[in-house]
Amino acid sequence: MDTYEIKEVGNVVHYFTKINVAIVDLSGTLLVGDHIRIKGTTTDFEQTIVSMQIEHENVKKAEAGQSIGLKVDERVREGDTVYKVLPAQ
């Protein structure tokens, strides 16, 4: 069984249902290609970041203090926590 660690990197503050995009306020750094887990009361799934935007501009990297639009694979809810999945050390 593979082992990994998770590090909190942000929280969902809004979700656009028709386009499957979550607005996330970041408390850490995220890159396109990072593997993340989104977890909440009724939400729990993992995905790889394929697309994220700041102010409608595609970005490859976003840092703490920024708000991003994140394309998500499943429905998320306001208050869900976003974690970066890291290999165990």
Protein backbone atom coordinates (compact mmCIF):
# COMPACT_ATOMS: atom_id res chain seq x y z
CA MET A 1 0.00 0.00 0.00
CA ASP A 2 1.33 3.40 -0.95
CA THR A 3 1.76 5.90 1.84
CA TYR A 4 1.33 9.61 1.49
CA GLU A 5 0.90 12.77 3.49
CA ILE A 6 -1.65 15.52 3.01
CA LYS A 7 -1.03 19.21 3.60
CA GLU A 8 -3.86 21.74 3.83
CA VAL A 9 -3.52 24.36 1.08
CA GLY A 10 -6.90 26.10 0.97
CA ASN A 11 -10.66 26.24 1.39
CA VAL A 12 -13.53 26.31 -1.09
CA VAL A 13 -15.40 29.63 -0.87
CA HIS A 14 -17.73 29.19 -3.86
CA TYR A 15 -18.72 26.58 -6.44
CA PHE A 16 -20.09 27.13 -9.94
CA THR A 17 -22.24 24.07 -10.68
CA LYS A 18 -22.70 24.54 -14.43
CA ILE A 19 -18.96 24.74 -15.17
CA ASN A 20 -17.63 22.59 -12.29
CA VAL A 21 -15.29 25.28 -11.02
CA ALA A 22 -14.45 25.88 -7.36
CA ILE A 23 -13.15 29.20 -6.05
CA VAL A 24 -10.44 28.39 -3.53
CA ASP A 25 -8.73 30.78 -1.10
CA LEU A 26 -5.19 29.45 -0.81
CA SER A 27 -3.12 29.07 2.35
CA GLY A 28 -0.33 27.25 0.47
CA THR A 29 1.18 26.85 -3.00
CA LEU A 30 -0.43 24.85 -5.80
CA LEU A 31 0.88 23.97 -9.25
CA VAL A 32 -0.87 22.58 -12.31
CA GLY A 33 -0.11 18.85 -12.14
CA ASP A 34 -0.28 18.65 -8.32
CA HIS A 35 -2.40 15.86 -6.87
CA ILE A 36 -5.03 17.19 -4.45
CA ARG A 37 -7.74 15.88 -2.15
CA ILE A 38 -10.91 17.84 -1.44
CA LYS A 39 -12.66 16.86 1.76
CA GLY A 40 -15.73 18.12 3.57
CA THR A 41 -18.82 16.85 5.37
CA THR A 42 -20.14 15.07 2.26
CA THR A 43 -17.20 15.59 -0.12
CA ASP A 44 -14.13 13.34 -0.35
CA PHE A 45 -12.25 12.78 -3.60
CA GLU A 46 -8.82 13.16 -5.16
CA GLN A 47 -7.79 14.56 -8.53
CA THR A 48 -4.85 16.03 -10.39
CA ILE A 49 -4.99 19.76 -11.13
CA VAL A 50 -5.48 20.20 -14.87
CA SER A 51 -6.54 23.84 -14.99
CA MET A 52 -6.58 26.82 -12.66
CA GLN A 53 -7.10 30.53 -13.17
CA ILE A 54 -6.61 33.83 -11.39
CA GLU A 55 -8.88 36.65 -12.61
CA HIS A 56 -9.83 34.60 -15.73
CA GLU A 57 -6.16 34.12 -16.72
CA ASN A 58 -4.69 30.61 -16.85
CA VAL A 59 -1.83 30.15 -14.39
CA LYS A 60 0.56 27.28 -13.71
CA LYS A 61 1.31 28.30 -10.10
CA ALA A 62 -0.66 30.02 -7.33
CA GLU A 63 0.49 30.92 -3.83
CA ALA A 64 -0.88 31.55 -0.35
CA GLY A 65 -3.15 34.58 -0.17
CA GLN A 66 -4.46 34.20 -3.72
CA SER A 67 -7.93 33.08 -4.80
CA ILE A 68 -8.06 30.68 -7.73
CA GLY A 69 -10.68 29.18 -9.98
CA LEU A 70 -10.06 25.42 -10.01
CA LYS A 71 -11.67 22.98 -12.45
CA VAL A 72 -12.92 20.06 -10.31
CA ASP A 73 -14.00 16.51 -11.19
CA GLU A 74 -16.87 16.33 -8.68
CA ARG A 75 -19.23 18.67 -6.86
CA VAL A 76 -17.67 20.56 -3.95
CA ARG A 77 -19.25 22.73 -1.30
CA GLU A 78 -18.36 25.99 0.42
CA GLY A 79 -16.17 25.23 3.43
CA ASP A 80 -14.60 22.08 1.94
CA THR A 81 -10.86 21.84 2.59
CA VAL A 82 -8.30 21.41 -0.19
CA TYR A 83 -5.21 19.32 0.60
CA LYS A 84 -2.08 18.72 -1.46
CA VAL A 85 -1.24 14.99 -1.55
CA LEU A 86 2.48 14.41 -1.01
CA PRO A 87 4.53 11.20 -1.00
CA ALA A 88 5.40 10.08 2.55
CA GLN A 89 8.92 10.92 3.66
